Amino acid sequence: MCRSIKRLRQPQGEASAEQVRAAALQFVRKVSGMHKPSATNQAAFAAAIDAISAATAQLLADLPPLRARPDESPRGE
């Protein structure tokens, strides 16, 4: 697993489009073994990031809201 991919489903709210895209980019980099693709591979790299971003956004939208554990709630609530 990519250590730099952060958990996007949080009780505090929805992940931003930027967070989803950053996670997709890290995933594609890890799977492809390329940090920056060559010009020849750029289209495939970008298409994969777009597809994974869309799938991730759909997954997060389809899941029910995540409830905070009692020990994670802000003090005073």
N, C-alpha and C. Protein backbone atom coordinates (compact mmCIF):
# COMPACT_ATOMS: atom_id res chain seq x y z
N MET A 1 0.84 -1.19 0.00
CA MET A 1 0.00 0.00 0.00
C MET A 1 0.88 1.24 0.00
N CYS A 2 0.46 2.24 -0.70
CA CYS A 2 1.19 3.51 -0.71
C CYS A 2 1.03 4.19 0.64
N ARG A 3 2.11 4.46 1.27
CA ARG A 3 2.04 5.13 2.57
C ARG A 3 1.62 6.58 2.42
N SER A 4 1.85 7.16 1.26
CA SER A 4 1.51 8.57 1.08
C SER A 4 0.05 8.79 0.70
N ILE A 5 -0.69 7.72 0.45
CA ILE A 5 -2.12 7.87 0.19
C ILE A 5 -2.82 7.97 1.54
N LYS A 6 -3.53 9.05 1.73
CA LYS A 6 -4.23 9.29 2.99
C LYS A 6 -5.64 8.71 2.93
N ARG A 7 -6.14 8.34 4.09
CA ARG A 7 -7.52 7.88 4.20
C ARG A 7 -8.44 9.05 3.88
N LEU A 8 -9.32 8.86 2.93
CA LEU A 8 -10.18 9.95 2.47
C LEU A 8 -11.55 9.97 3.14
N ARG A 9 -11.99 8.85 3.62
CA ARG A 9 -13.31 8.77 4.25
C ARG A 9 -13.13 9.08 5.73
N GLN A 10 -13.57 10.25 6.14
CA GLN A 10 -13.40 10.73 7.51
C GLN A 10 -14.74 11.15 8.09
N PRO A 11 -14.89 11.07 9.41
CA PRO A 11 -16.14 11.54 10.02
C PRO A 11 -16.31 13.06 9.93
N GLN A 12 -15.22 13.79 9.72
CA GLN A 12 -15.29 15.25 9.68
C GLN A 12 -15.93 15.78 8.40
N GLY A 13 -16.04 14.98 7.38
CA GLY A 13 -16.66 15.46 6.15
C GLY A 13 -16.06 14.82 4.92
N GLU A 14 -16.51 15.31 3.78
CA GLU A 14 -16.10 14.73 2.51
C GLU A 14 -14.69 15.15 2.10
N ALA A 15 -14.04 14.28 1.37
CA ALA A 15 -12.73 14.61 0.81
C ALA A 15 -12.92 15.56 -0.36
N SER A 16 -11.99 16.47 -0.54
CA SER A 16 -12.07 17.40 -1.65
C SER A 16 -11.65 16.71 -2.95
N ALA A 17 -12.00 17.31 -4.06
CA ALA A 17 -11.60 16.78 -5.36
C ALA A 17 -10.08 16.73 -5.47
N GLU A 18 -9.42 17.71 -4.87
CA GLU A 18 -7.95 17.74 -4.89
C GLU A 18 -7.36 16.57 -4.11
N GLN A 19 -7.96 16.24 -2.97
CA GLN A 19 -7.49 15.11 -2.18
C GLN A 19 -7.69 13.79 -2.93
N VAL A 20 -8.83 13.65 -3.58
CA VAL A 20 -9.12 12.44 -4.35
C VAL A 20 -8.12 12.30 -5.50
N ARG A 21 -7.86 13.39 -6.19
CA ARG A 21 -6.92 13.35 -7.32
C ARG A 21 -5.49 13.07 -6.84
N ALA A 22 -5.11 13.63 -5.72
CA ALA A 22 -3.76 13.38 -5.18
C ALA A 22 -3.59 11.91 -4.82
N ALA A 23 -4.61 11.31 -4.25
CA ALA A 23 -4.55 9.89 -3.92
C ALA A 23 -4.47 9.04 -5.19
N ALA A 24 -5.23 9.41 -6.21
CA ALA A 24 -5.19 8.69 -7.49
C ALA A 24 -3.81 8.80 -8.12
N LEU A 25 -3.23 9.98 -8.07
CA LEU A 25 -1.89 10.18 -8.62
C LEU A 25 -0.87 9.29 -7.90
N GLN A 26 -0.93 9.24 -6.59
CA GLN A 26 0.00 8.41 -5.83
C GLN A 26 -0.19 6.93 -6.17
N PHE A 27 -1.44 6.52 -6.32
CA PHE A 27 -1.73 5.12 -6.67
C PHE A 27 -1.15 4.78 -8.04
N VAL A 28 -1.37 5.64 -9.02
CA VAL A 28 -0.86 5.40 -10.37
C VAL A 28 0.66 5.38 -10.38
N ARG A 29 1.27 6.28 -9.65
CA ARG A 29 2.73 6.29 -9.55
C ARG A 29 3.24 4.97 -8.98
N LYS A 30 2.60 4.50 -7.94
CA LYS A 30 3.04 3.25 -7.29
C LYS A 30 2.86 2.06 -8.22
N VAL A 31 1.69 1.95 -8.83
CA VAL A 31 1.38 0.81 -9.69
C VAL A 31 2.26 0.80 -10.94
N SER A 32 2.47 1.98 -11.52
CA SER A 32 3.23 2.06 -12.77
C SER A 32 4.73 2.03 -12.55
N GLY A 33 5.17 2.38 -11.36
CA GLY A 33 6.60 2.46 -11.09
C GLY A 33 7.23 3.70 -11.67
N MET A 34 6.41 4.67 -12.07
CA MET A 34 6.91 5.91 -12.66
C MET A 34 6.47 7.10 -11.82
N HIS A 35 7.42 7.95 -11.47
CA HIS A 35 7.07 9.18 -10.77
C HIS A 35 6.55 10.21 -11.76
N LYS A 36 7.23 10.29 -12.89
CA LYS A 36 6.81 11.20 -13.96
C LYS A 36 6.92 10.43 -15.27
N PRO A 37 5.81 10.23 -15.96
CA PRO A 37 5.85 9.45 -17.20
C PRO A 37 6.53 10.20 -18.34
N SER A 38 7.04 9.44 -19.28
CA SER A 38 7.60 10.03 -20.49
C SER A 38 6.46 10.58 -21.33
N ALA A 39 6.82 11.36 -22.35
CA ALA A 39 5.80 11.92 -23.24
C ALA A 39 4.97 10.81 -23.89
N THR A 40 5.59 9.69 -24.18
CA THR A 40 4.90 8.56 -24.80
C THR A 40 3.83 7.99 -23.87
N ASN A 41 4.11 7.99 -22.58
CA ASN A 41 3.20 7.38 -21.60
C ASN A 41 2.28 8.37 -20.91
N GLN A 42 2.41 9.64 -21.21
CA GLN A 42 1.65 10.68 -20.51
C GLN A 42 0.14 10.49 -20.65
N ALA A 43 -0.34 10.17 -21.82
CA ALA A 43 -1.79 10.03 -22.03
C ALA A 43 -2.35 8.87 -21.21
N ALA A 44 -1.65 7.75 -21.19
CA ALA A 44 -2.12 6.60 -20.41
C ALA A 44 -2.09 6.92 -18.92
N PHE A 45 -1.05 7.61 -18.48
CA PHE A 45 -0.90 8.00 -17.07
C PHE A 45 -2.05 8.92 -16.66
N ALA A 46 -2.32 9.94 -17.47
CA ALA A 46 -3.40 10.89 -17.18
C ALA A 46 -4.77 10.22 -17.20
N ALA A 47 -4.98 9.32 -18.16
CA ALA A 47 -6.27 8.61 -18.24
C ALA A 47 -6.48 7.74 -17.01
N ALA A 48 -5.44 7.10 -16.54
CA ALA A 48 -5.55 6.26 -15.34
C ALA A 48 -5.88 7.12 -14.12
N ILE A 49 -5.24 8.26 -13.99
CA ILE A 49 -5.53 9.16 -12.86
C ILE A 49 -6.99 9.62 -12.92
N ASP A 50 -7.47 9.98 -14.09
CA ASP A 50 -8.86 10.41 -14.24
C ASP A 50 -9.83 9.28 -13.87
N ALA A 51 -9.55 8.07 -14.35
CA ALA A 51 -10.45 6.94 -14.07
C ALA A 51 -10.46 6.58 -12.59
N ILE A 52 -9.30 6.59 -11.97
CA ILE A 52 -9.23 6.25 -10.55
C ILE A 52 -9.86 7.35 -9.70
N SER A 53 -9.66 8.60 -10.09
CA SER A 53 -10.31 9.71 -9.38
C SER A 53 -11.82 9.57 -9.44
N ALA A 54 -12.34 9.28 -10.61
CA ALA A 54 -13.79 9.13 -10.77
C ALA A 54 -14.32 7.95 -9.96
N ALA A 55 -13.62 6.83 -10.01
CA ALA A 55 -14.05 5.65 -9.26
C ALA A 55 -14.00 5.91 -7.75
N THR A 56 -12.98 6.61 -7.31
CA THR A 56 -12.85 6.93 -5.88
C THR A 56 -13.96 7.87 -5.44
N ALA A 57 -14.22 8.90 -6.22
CA ALA A 57 -15.29 9.83 -5.89
C ALA A 57 -16.64 9.12 -5.83
N GLN A 58 -16.88 8.21 -6.77
CA GLN A 58 -18.14 7.46 -6.77
C GLN A 58 -18.23 6.55 -5.56
N LEU A 59 -17.15 5.88 -5.23
CA LEU A 59 -17.13 5.01 -4.04
C LEU A 59 -17.45 5.82 -2.79
N LEU A 60 -16.79 6.94 -2.60
CA LEU A 60 -17.03 7.76 -1.42
C LEU A 60 -18.45 8.28 -1.38
N ALA A 61 -19.02 8.62 -2.54
CA ALA A 61 -20.40 9.10 -2.59
C ALA A 61 -21.40 8.00 -2.27
N ASP A 62 -21.08 6.77 -2.62
CA ASP A 62 -21.99 5.64 -2.40
C ASP A 62 -21.96 5.10 -0.97
N LEU A 63 -20.89 5.37 -0.25
CA LEU A 63 -20.77 4.87 1.11
C LEU A 63 -21.56 5.75 2.08
N PRO A 64 -22.12 5.15 3.13
CA PRO A 64 -22.83 5.98 4.11
C PRO A 64 -21.82 6.85 4.86
N PRO A 65 -22.30 7.94 5.47
CA PRO A 65 -21.39 8.79 6.23
C PRO A 65 -20.70 7.99 7.34
N LEU A 66 -19.47 8.31 7.57
CA LEU A 66 -18.69 7.65 8.61
C LEU A 66 -18.96 8.36 9.93
N ARG A 67 -19.32 7.60 10.93
CA ARG A 67 -19.58 8.19 12.24
C ARG A 67 -18.30 8.20 13.05
N ALA A 68 -18.11 9.26 13.79
CA ALA A 68 -16.94 9.37 14.66
C ALA A 68 -17.09 8.42 15.84
N ARG A 69 -15.99 7.84 16.24
CA ARG A 69 -16.00 7.03 17.45
C ARG A 69 -16.11 7.98 18.64
N PRO A 70 -16.67 7.51 19.73
CA PRO A 70 -16.80 8.40 20.90
C PRO A 70 -15.48 9.04 21.33
N ASP A 71 -14.37 8.31 21.19
CA ASP A 71 -13.08 8.87 21.60
C ASP A 71 -12.51 9.85 20.59
N GLU A 72 -13.16 10.03 19.43
CA GLU A 72 -12.68 10.95 18.40
C GLU A 72 -13.49 12.24 18.34
N SER A 73 -14.57 12.33 19.14
CA SER A 73 -15.40 13.52 19.07
C SER A 73 -14.71 14.68 19.78
N PRO A 74 -15.01 15.91 19.30
CA PRO A 74 -14.41 17.09 19.95
C PRO A 74 -14.86 17.19 21.40
N ARG A 75 -14.04 17.76 22.23
CA ARG A 75 -14.40 17.92 23.65
C ARG A 75 -15.58 18.86 23.79
N GLY A 76 -16.40 18.57 24.80
CA GLY A 76 -17.55 19.41 25.07
C GLY A 76 -18.80 18.98 24.32
N GLU A 77 -18.72 17.92 23.56
CA GLU A 77 -19.91 17.45 22.83
C GLU A 77 -20.37 16.14 23.39
